[in-house]
PDB file of N, CA and C in Angstrom:
ATOM      1  N   MET A   1       0.006 -13.520  -2.810  1.00  0.00           N
ATOM      2  CA  MET A   1       0.165 -12.119  -2.096  1.00  0.00           C
ATOM      3  C   MET A   1       1.662 -11.940  -1.856  1.00  0.00           C
ATOM      4  N   ASP A   2       2.418 -12.964  -1.476  1.00  0.00           N
ATOM      5  CA  ASP A   2       3.793 -12.823  -1.173  1.00  0.00           C
ATOM      6  C   ASP A   2       4.542 -12.463  -2.366  1.00  0.00           C
ATOM      7  N   ASP A   3       4.141 -13.025  -3.578  1.00  0.00           N
ATOM      8  CA  ASP A   3       4.793 -12.734  -4.840  1.00  0.00           C
ATOM      9  C   ASP A   3       4.701 -11.212  -5.092  1.00  0.00           C
ATOM     10  N   VAL A   4       3.562 -10.628  -4.855  1.00  0.00           N
ATOM     11  CA  VAL A   4       3.270  -9.250  -5.057  1.00  0.00           C
ATOM     12  C   VAL A   4       4.246  -8.402  -4.244  1.00  0.00           C
ATOM     13  N   LEU A   5       4.358  -8.738  -2.976  1.00  0.00           N
ATOM     14  CA  LEU A   5       5.236  -8.012  -2.041  1.00  0.00           C
ATOM     15  C   LEU A   5       6.636  -8.186  -2.342  1.00  0.00           C
ATOM     16  N   THR A   6       7.089  -9.445  -2.677  1.00  0.00           N
ATOM     17  CA  THR A   6       8.495  -9.659  -3.029  1.00  0.00           C
ATOM     18  C   THR A   6       8.872  -9.017  -4.343  1.00  0.00           C
ATOM     19  N   ALA A   7       8.042  -8.933  -5.316  1.00  0.00           N
ATOM     20  CA  ALA A   7       8.250  -8.236  -6.596  1.00  0.00           C
ATOM     21  C   ALA A   7       8.384  -6.730  -6.207  1.00  0.00           C
ATOM     22  N   ALA A   8       7.642  -6.116  -5.443  1.00  0.00           N
ATOM     23  CA  ALA A   8       7.643  -4.786  -5.174  1.00  0.00           C
ATOM     24  C   ALA A   8       8.929  -4.431  -4.453  1.00  0.00           C
ATOM     25  N   ALA A   9       9.270  -5.205  -3.531  1.00  0.00           N
ATOM     26  CA  ALA A   9      10.520  -5.003  -2.691  1.00  0.00           C
ATOM     27  C   ALA A   9      11.678  -5.124  -3.617  1.00  0.00           C
ATOM     28  N   SER A  10      11.731  -6.016  -4.589  1.00  0.00           N
ATOM     29  CA  SER A  10      12.831  -6.301  -5.479  1.00  0.00           C
ATOM     30  C   SER A  10      13.018  -5.024  -6.312  1.00  0.00           C
ATOM     31  N   ARG A  11      11.992  -4.210  -6.485  1.00  0.00           N
ATOM     32  CA  ARG A  11      12.035  -3.026  -7.346  1.00  0.00           C
ATOM     33  C   ARG A  11      12.341  -1.746  -6.421  1.00  0.00           C
ATOM     34  N   GLY A  12      12.497  -2.026  -5.134  1.00  0.00           N
ATOM     35  CA  GLY A  12      12.896  -0.896  -4.280  1.00  0.00           C
ATOM     36  C   GLY A  12      11.770  -0.278  -3.535  1.00  0.00           C
ATOM     37  N   ALA A  13      10.545  -0.831  -3.679  1.00  0.00           N
ATOM     38  CA  ALA A  13       9.337  -0.236  -3.027  1.00  0.00           C
ATOM     39  C   ALA A  13       9.210  -0.773  -1.659  1.00  0.00           C
ATOM     40  N   ARG A  14       9.213   0.133  -0.732  1.00  0.00           N
ATOM     41  CA  ARG A  14       8.954  -0.272   0.754  1.00  0.00           C
ATOM     42  C   ARG A  14       7.475  -0.360   1.109  1.00  0.00           C
ATOM     43  N   VAL A  15       6.712   0.374   0.357  1.00  0.00           N
ATOM     44  CA  VAL A  15       5.324   0.425   0.660  1.00  0.00           C
ATOM     45  C   VAL A  15       4.488  -0.100  -0.553  1.00  0.00           C
ATOM     46  N   VAL A  16       3.567  -0.920  -0.275  1.00  0.00           N
ATOM     47  CA  VAL A  16       2.631  -1.439  -1.305  1.00  0.00           C
ATOM     48  C   VAL A  16       1.289  -1.045  -0.978  1.00  0.00           C
ATOM     49  N   LEU A  17       0.483  -0.494  -1.880  1.00  0.00           N
ATOM     50  CA  LEU A  17      -0.867  -0.129  -1.727  1.00  0.00           C
ATOM     51  C   LEU A  17      -1.694  -1.092  -2.603  1.00  0.00           C
ATOM     52  N   ILE A  18      -2.629  -1.807  -1.890  1.00  0.00           N
ATOM     53  CA  ILE A  18      -3.538  -2.683  -2.693  1.00  0.00           C
ATOM     54  C   ILE A  18      -4.817  -1.812  -2.765  1.00  0.00           C
ATOM     55  N   SER A  19      -5.260  -1.678  -4.015  1.00  0.00           N
ATOM     56  CA  SER A  19      -6.424  -0.807  -4.288  1.00  0.00           C
ATOM     57  C   SER A  19      -7.237  -1.394  -5.378  1.00  0.00           C
ATOM     58  N   LYS A  20      -8.328  -0.638  -5.733  1.00  0.00           N
ATOM     59  CA  LYS A  20      -9.097  -0.963  -6.923  1.00  0.00           C
ATOM     60  C   LYS A  20      -9.538   0.332  -7.561  1.00  0.00           C
ATOM     61  N   PRO A  21      -9.848   0.272  -8.896  1.00  0.00           N
ATOM     62  CA  PRO A  21     -10.334   1.466  -9.575  1.00  0.00           C
ATOM     63  C   PRO A  21     -11.644   1.907  -9.022  1.00  0.00           C
ATOM     64  N   GLY A  22     -11.862   3.281  -8.939  1.00  0.00           N
ATOM     65  CA  GLY A  22     -13.081   3.938  -8.451  1.00  0.00           C
ATOM     66  C   GLY A  22     -13.262   3.951  -6.895  1.00  0.00           C
ATOM     67  N   CYS A  23     -12.273   3.578  -6.222  1.00  0.00           N
ATOM     68  CA  CYS A  23     -12.375   3.518  -4.728  1.00  0.00           C
ATOM     69  C   CYS A  23     -11.863   4.921  -4.228  1.00  0.00           C
ATOM     70  N   HIS A  24     -12.740   5.717  -3.618  1.00  0.00           N
ATOM     71  CA  HIS A  24     -12.345   6.980  -3.110  1.00  0.00           C
ATOM     72  C   HIS A  24     -11.358   6.861  -1.919  1.00  0.00           C
ATOM     73  N   LEU A  25     -11.597   5.861  -1.097  1.00  0.00           N
ATOM     74  CA  LEU A  25     -10.578   5.639   0.041  1.00  0.00           C
ATOM     75  C   LEU A  25      -9.212   5.324  -0.560  1.00  0.00           C
ATOM     76  N   CYS A  26      -9.161   4.671  -1.697  1.00  0.00           N
ATOM     77  CA  CYS A  26      -7.852   4.286  -2.288  1.00  0.00           C
ATOM     78  C   CYS A  26      -7.206   5.677  -2.792  1.00  0.00           C
ATOM     79  N   ASP A  27      -8.038   6.426  -3.332  1.00  0.00           N
ATOM     80  CA  ASP A  27      -7.457   7.755  -3.807  1.00  0.00           C
ATOM     81  C   ASP A  27      -6.885   8.610  -2.667  1.00  0.00           C
ATOM     82  N   ASP A  28      -7.654   8.567  -1.542  1.00  0.00           N
ATOM     83  CA  ASP A  28      -7.137   9.282  -0.271  1.00  0.00           C
ATOM     84  C   ASP A  28      -5.779   8.554   0.172  1.00  0.00           C
ATOM     85  N   ALA A  29      -5.769   7.313   0.251  1.00  0.00           N
ATOM     86  CA  ALA A  29      -4.580   6.630   0.758  1.00  0.00           C
ATOM     87  C   ALA A  29      -3.459   6.835  -0.267  1.00  0.00           C
ATOM     88  N   ARG A  30      -3.642   6.865  -1.515  1.00  0.00           N
ATOM     89  CA  ARG A  30      -2.591   7.079  -2.558  1.00  0.00           C
ATOM     90  C   ARG A  30      -1.931   8.384  -2.274  1.00  0.00           C
ATOM     91  N   ALA A  31      -2.803   9.458  -2.048  1.00  0.00           N
ATOM     92  CA  ALA A  31      -2.247  10.807  -1.855  1.00  0.00           C
ATOM     93  C   ALA A  31      -1.323  10.890  -0.574  1.00  0.00           C
ATOM     94  N   VAL A  32      -1.821  10.295   0.499  1.00  0.00           N
ATOM     95  CA  VAL A  32      -1.059  10.248   1.725  1.00  0.00           C
ATOM     96  C   VAL A  32       0.304   9.478   1.591  1.00  0.00           C
ATOM     97  N   ILE A  33       0.232   8.252   0.875  1.00  0.00           N
ATOM     98  CA  ILE A  33       1.418   7.517   0.658  1.00  0.00           C
ATOM     99  C   ILE A  33       2.317   8.231  -0.279  1.00  0.00           C
ATOM    100  N   ALA A  34       1.935   8.812  -1.302  1.00  0.00           N
ATOM    101  CA  ALA A  34       2.778   9.540  -2.285  1.00  0.00           C
ATOM    102  C   ALA A  34       3.526  10.744  -1.537  1.00  0.00           C
ATOM    103  N   ALA A  35       2.792  11.417  -0.734  1.00  0.00           N
ATOM    104  CA  ALA A  35       3.379  12.582  -0.018  1.00  0.00           C
ATOM    105  C   ALA A  35       4.475  12.090   0.949  1.00  0.00           C
ATOM    106  N   VAL A  36       4.116  11.055   1.753  1.00  0.00           N
ATOM    107  CA  VAL A  36       5.052  10.643   2.845  1.00  0.00           C
ATOM    108  C   VAL A  36       6.249   9.935   2.192  1.00  0.00           C
ATOM    109  N   THR A  37       6.036   9.089   1.188  1.00  0.00           N
ATOM    110  CA  THR A  37       7.260   8.516   0.565  1.00  0.00           C
ATOM    111  C   THR A  37       8.123   9.503  -0.134  1.00  0.00           C
ATOM    112  N   ALA A  38       7.512  10.470  -0.805  1.00  0.00           N
ATOM    113  CA  ALA A  38       8.311  11.513  -1.479  1.00  0.00           C
ATOM    114  C   ALA A  38       9.235  12.342  -0.400  1.00  0.00           C
ATOM    115  N   GLU A  39       8.476  12.642   0.647  1.00  0.00           N
ATOM    116  CA  GLU A  39       9.223  13.410   1.671  1.00  0.00           C
ATOM    117  C   GLU A  39      10.380  12.615   2.246  1.00  0.00           C
ATOM    118  N   LEU A  40      10.187  11.287   2.397  1.00  0.00           N
ATOM    119  CA  LEU A  40      11.250  10.459   2.960  1.00  0.00           C
ATOM    120  C   LEU A  40      12.280   9.756   1.898  1.00  0.00           C
ATOM    121  N   GLY A  41      11.971  10.026   0.660  1.00  0.00           N
ATOM    122  CA  GLY A  41      12.782   9.503  -0.353  1.00  0.00           C
ATOM    123  C   GLY A  41      12.604   8.010  -0.546  1.00  0.00           C
ATOM    124  N   GLU A  42      11.444   7.543  -0.277  1.00  0.00           N
ATOM    125  CA  GLU A  42      11.092   6.139  -0.381  1.00  0.00           C
ATOM    126  C   GLU A  42      10.255   5.915  -1.571  1.00  0.00           C
ATOM    127  N   ARG A  43      10.053   4.677  -2.060  1.00  0.00           N
ATOM    128  CA  ARG A  43       9.175   4.335  -3.136  1.00  0.00           C
ATOM    129  C   ARG A  43       7.997   3.525  -2.755  1.00  0.00           C
ATOM    130  N   PHE A  44       7.002   3.695  -3.505  1.00  0.00           N
ATOM    131  CA  PHE A  44       5.715   2.781  -3.300  1.00  0.00           C
ATOM    132  C   PHE A  44       5.224   2.241  -4.567  1.00  0.00           C
ATOM    133  N   GLU A  45       4.543   1.156  -4.511  1.00  0.00           N
ATOM    134  CA  GLU A  45       3.903   0.583  -5.602  1.00  0.00           C
ATOM    135  C   GLU A  45       2.320   0.351  -5.336  1.00  0.00           C
ATOM    136  N   GLU A  46       1.641   0.519  -6.319  1.00  0.00           N
ATOM    137  CA  GLU A  46       0.195   0.352  -6.184  1.00  0.00           C
ATOM    138  C   GLU A  46      -0.245  -0.999  -7.044  1.00  0.00           C
ATOM    139  N   VAL A  47      -1.029  -1.876  -6.408  1.00  0.00           N
ATOM    140  CA  VAL A  47      -1.494  -3.095  -7.090  1.00  0.00           C
ATOM    141  C   VAL A  47      -3.017  -3.059  -7.122  1.00  0.00           C
ATOM    142  N   ASP A  48      -3.501  -3.241  -8.330  1.00  0.00           N
ATOM    143  CA  ASP A  48      -4.928  -3.272  -8.534  1.00  0.00           C
ATOM    144  C   ASP A  48      -5.364  -4.713  -8.074  1.00  0.00           C
ATOM    145  N   MET A  49      -6.207  -4.771  -6.969  1.00  0.00           N
ATOM    146  CA  MET A  49      -6.572  -6.078  -6.504  1.00  0.00           C
ATOM    147  C   MET A  49      -7.428  -6.797  -7.540  1.00  0.00           C
ATOM    148  N   LEU A  50      -8.105  -6.185  -8.436  1.00  0.00           N
ATOM    149  CA  LEU A  50      -8.984  -6.844  -9.408  1.00  0.00           C
ATOM    150  C   LEU A  50      -8.172  -7.716 -10.340  1.00  0.00           C
ATOM    151  N   GLN A  51      -6.829  -7.537 -10.432  1.00  0.00           N
ATOM    152  CA  GLN A  51      -6.031  -8.295 -11.359  1.00  0.00           C
ATOM    153  C   GLN A  51      -5.627  -9.589 -10.703  1.00  0.00           C
ATOM    154  N   ASP A  52      -6.050  -9.878  -9.425  1.00  0.00           N
ATOM    155  CA  ASP A  52      -5.556 -11.124  -8.739  1.00  0.00           C
ATOM    156  C   ASP A  52      -6.652 -11.554  -7.792  1.00  0.00           C
ATOM    157  N   ALA A  53      -7.175 -12.759  -8.163  1.00  0.00           N
ATOM    158  CA  ALA A  53      -8.313 -13.336  -7.379  1.00  0.00           C
ATOM    159  C   ALA A  53      -8.023 -13.582  -5.899  1.00  0.00           C
ATOM    160  N   ASP A  54      -6.661 -13.847  -5.649  1.00  0.00           N
ATOM    161  CA  ASP A  54      -6.393 -14.084  -4.247  1.00  0.00           C
ATOM    162  C   ASP A  54      -6.438 -12.765  -3.475  1.00  0.00           C
ATOM    163  N   LEU A  55      -6.044 -11.675  -4.145  1.00  0.00           N
ATOM    164  CA  LEU A  55      -6.114 -10.322  -3.359  1.00  0.00           C
ATOM    165  C   LEU A  55      -7.586  -9.966  -3.145  1.00  0.00           C
ATOM    166  N   VAL A  56      -8.401 -10.331  -4.172  1.00  0.00           N
ATOM    167  CA  VAL A  56      -9.902  -9.901  -3.990  1.00  0.00           C
ATOM    168  C   VAL A  56     -10.411 -10.791  -2.794  1.00  0.00           C
ATOM    169  N   ALA A  57     -10.175 -12.036  -2.815  1.00  0.00           N
ATOM    170  CA  ALA A  57     -10.580 -12.942  -1.698  1.00  0.00           C
ATOM    171  C   ALA A  57     -10.125 -12.557  -0.318  1.00  0.00           C
ATOM    172  N   ARG A  58      -8.877 -12.090  -0.302  1.00  0.00           N
ATOM    173  CA  ARG A  58      -8.300 -11.697   1.011  1.00  0.00           C
ATOM    174  C   ARG A  58      -8.752 -10.321   1.495  1.00  0.00           C
ATOM    175  N   PHE A  59      -8.902  -9.403   0.524  1.00  0.00           N
ATOM    176  CA  PHE A  59      -8.915  -8.037   0.974  1.00  0.00           C
ATOM    177  C   PHE A  59     -10.164  -7.239   0.423  1.00  0.00           C
ATOM    178  N   ALA A  60     -11.119  -7.879  -0.109  1.00  0.00           N
ATOM    179  CA  ALA A  60     -12.275  -7.196  -0.757  1.00  0.00           C
ATOM    180  C   ALA A  60     -12.953  -6.286   0.218  1.00  0.00           C
ATOM    181  N   GLU A  61     -13.052  -6.566   1.498  1.00  0.00           N
ATOM    182  CA  GLU A  61     -13.792  -5.720   2.426  1.00  0.00           C
ATOM    183  C   GLU A  61     -12.780  -4.850   3.223  1.00  0.00           C
ATOM    184  N   MET A  62     -11.495  -4.763   2.840  1.00  0.00           N
ATOM    185  CA  MET A  62     -10.546  -3.943   3.662  1.00  0.00           C
ATOM    186  C   MET A  62      -9.848  -2.896   2.804  1.00  0.00           C
ATOM    187  N   ILE A  63     -10.104  -2.800   1.525  1.00  0.00           N
ATOM    188  CA  ILE A  63      -9.354  -1.879   0.645  1.00  0.00           C
ATOM    189  C   ILE A  63      -9.611  -0.415   1.048  1.00  0.00           C
ATOM    190  N   PRO A  64      -8.558   0.399   0.979  1.00  0.00           N
ATOM    191  CA  PRO A  64      -7.230   0.059   0.543  1.00  0.00           C
ATOM    192  C   PRO A  64      -6.494  -0.607   1.671  1.00  0.00           C
ATOM    193  N   VAL A  65      -5.503  -1.393   1.331  1.00  0.00           N
ATOM    194  CA  VAL A  65      -4.694  -2.069   2.296  1.00  0.00           C
ATOM    195  C   VAL A  65      -3.260  -1.618   2.065  1.00  0.00           C
ATOM    196  N   THR A  66      -2.538  -1.311   3.062  1.00  0.00           N
ATOM    197  CA  THR A  66      -1.137  -0.812   2.959  1.00  0.00           C
ATOM    198  C   THR A  66      -0.209  -1.863   3.665  1.00  0.00           C
ATOM    199  N   PHE A  67       0.841  -2.096   2.945  1.00  0.00           N
ATOM    200  CA  PHE A  67       1.922  -2.956   3.472  1.00  0.00           C
ATOM    201  C   PHE A  67       3.259  -2.082   3.531  1.00  0.00           C
ATOM    202  N   VAL A  68       3.988  -2.230   4.632  1.00  0.00           N
ATOM    203  CA  VAL A  68       5.302  -1.631   4.807  1.00  0.00           C
ATOM    204  C   VAL A  68       6.258  -2.707   5.035  1.00  0.00           C
ATOM    205  N   ASP A  69       7.324  -2.831   4.136  1.00  0.00           N
ATOM    206  CA  ASP A  69       8.349  -3.845   4.240  1.00  0.00           C
ATOM    207  C   ASP A  69       7.751  -5.213   4.498  1.00  0.00           C
ATOM    208  N   GLY A  70       6.708  -5.577   3.671  1.00  0.00           N
ATOM    209  CA  GLY A  70       6.138  -6.786   3.599  1.00  0.00           C
ATOM    210  C   GLY A  70       5.122  -7.111   4.619  1.00  0.00           C
ATOM    211  N   ALA A  71       4.920  -6.298   5.657  1.00  0.00           N
ATOM    212  CA  ALA A  71       3.968  -6.497   6.723  1.00  0.00           C
ATOM    213  C   ALA A  71       2.714  -5.583   6.493  1.00  0.00           C
ATOM    214  N   GLN A  72       1.451  -6.141   6.770  1.00  0.00           N
ATOM    215  CA  GLN A  72       0.282  -5.258   6.655  1.00  0.00           C
ATOM    216  C   GLN A  72       0.442  -4.184   7.646  1.00  0.00           C
ATOM    217  N   HIS A  73       0.206  -2.994   7.170  1.00  0.00           N
ATOM    218  CA  HIS A  73       0.410  -1.766   8.047  1.00  0.00           C
ATOM    219  C   HIS A  73      -0.997  -1.009   8.314  1.00  0.00           C
ATOM    220  N   ASP A  74      -1.826  -0.928   7.377  1.00  0.00           N
ATOM    221  CA  ASP A  74      -3.112  -0.197   7.604  1.00  0.00           C
ATOM    222  C   ASP A  74      -4.184  -0.768   6.638  1.00  0.00           C
ATOM    223  N   TYR A  75      -5.374  -0.466   6.826  1.00  0.00           N
ATOM    224  CA  TYR A  75      -6.442  -0.640   5.892  1.00  0.00           C
ATOM    225  C   TYR A  75      -7.507   0.377   6.043  1.00  0.00           C
ATOM    226  N   TRP A  76      -8.240   0.690   5.082  1.00  0.00           N
ATOM    227  CA  TRP A  76      -9.302   1.643   4.966  1.00  0.00           C
ATOM    228  C   TRP A  76      -8.676   3.060   4.933  1.00  0.00           C
ATOM    229  N   ARG A  77      -8.037   3.559   5.947  1.00  0.00           N
ATOM    230  CA  ARG A  77      -7.442   4.922   6.123  1.00  0.00           C
ATOM    231  C   ARG A  77      -6.008   4.747   6.343  1.00  0.00           C
ATOM    232  N   VAL A  78      -5.187   5.708   5.822  1.00  0.00           N
ATOM    233  CA  VAL A  78      -3.716   5.760   6.097  1.00  0.00           C
ATOM    234  C   VAL A  78      -3.368   6.948   6.801  1.00  0.00           C
ATOM    235  N   SER A  79      -2.681   6.797   7.968  1.00  0.00           N
ATOM    236  CA  SER A  79      -2.287   7.974   8.839  1.00  0.00           C
ATOM    237  C   SER A  79      -0.904   8.399   8.348  1.00  0.00           C
ATOM    238  N   ALA A  80      -0.662   9.576   7.910  1.00  0.00           N
ATOM    239  CA  ALA A  80       0.658  10.109   7.440  1.00  0.00           C
ATOM    240  C   ALA A  80       1.632   9.911   8.523  1.00  0.00           C
ATOM    241  N   ASP A  81       1.241  10.317   9.894  1.00  0.00           N
ATOM    242  CA  ASP A  81       2.133  10.149  10.998  1.00  0.00           C
ATOM    243  C   ASP A  81       2.558   8.714  11.215  1.00  0.00           C
ATOM    244  N   ARG A  82       1.593   7.848  11.182  1.00  0.00           N
ATOM    245  CA  ARG A  82       1.897   6.452  11.423  1.00  0.00           C
ATOM    246  C   ARG A  82       2.772   5.815  10.312  1.00  0.00           C
ATOM    247  N   LEU A  83       2.392   6.166   9.106  1.00  0.00           N
ATOM    248  CA  LEU A  83       3.275   5.702   7.997  1.00  0.00           C
ATOM    249  C   LEU A  83       4.708   6.290   8.135  1.00  0.00           C
ATOM    250  N   ARG A  84       4.809   7.491   8.346  1.00  0.00           N
ATOM    251  CA  ARG A  84       6.193   8.154   8.552  1.00  0.00           C
ATOM    252  C   ARG A  84       6.920   7.468   9.613  1.00  0.00           C
ATOM    253  N   ALA A  85       6.280   7.119  10.779  1.00  0.00           N
ATOM    254  CA  ALA A  85       7.027   6.484  11.805  1.00  0.00           C
ATOM    255  C   ALA A  85       7.458   5.059  11.402  1.00  0.00           C
ATOM    256  N   ALA A  86       6.668   4.339  10.633  1.00  0.00           N
ATOM    257  CA  ALA A  86       6.939   2.980  10.160  1.00  0.00           C
ATOM    258  C   ALA A  86       8.166   2.932   9.314  1.00  0.00           C
ATOM    259  N   LEU A  87       8.196   4.048   8.417  1.00  0.00           N
ATOM    260  CA  LEU A  87       9.253   4.133   7.450  1.00  0.00           C
ATOM    261  C   LEU A  87      10.573   4.646   8.002  1.00  0.00           C
ATOM    262  N   SER A  88      10.389   5.437   9.154  1.00  0.00           N
ATOM    263  CA  SER A  88      11.565   5.938   9.782  1.00  0.00           C
ATOM    264  C   SER A  88      12.288   5.105  10.849  1.00  0.00           C
ATOM    265  N   GLY A  89      11.468   4.101  11.240  1.00  0.00           N
ATOM    266  CA  GLY A  89      11.954   3.208  12.385  1.00  0.00           C
ATOM    267  C   GLY A  89      12.898   2.191  11.976  1.00  0.00           C
TER     268      GLY A  89
END
């Protein structure tokens, strides 16, 4: 997991969204994250958990999972206000 976060950070992404295909909560989270990061001039990356057995083992019941600056921020639902505050702080 740390490799995923480190790689995203090295590419300038402060937010990482762990998701999987066909997940409607992931679609909702992606829309919120895309809007907030665009508003603040930040970048985000999305990682398909099905591509990594460790991610499946850790987060199968929690997706989508959001990380900000390498720390777990939210799961299931993403609050635009809470994400904005985390990125602005």
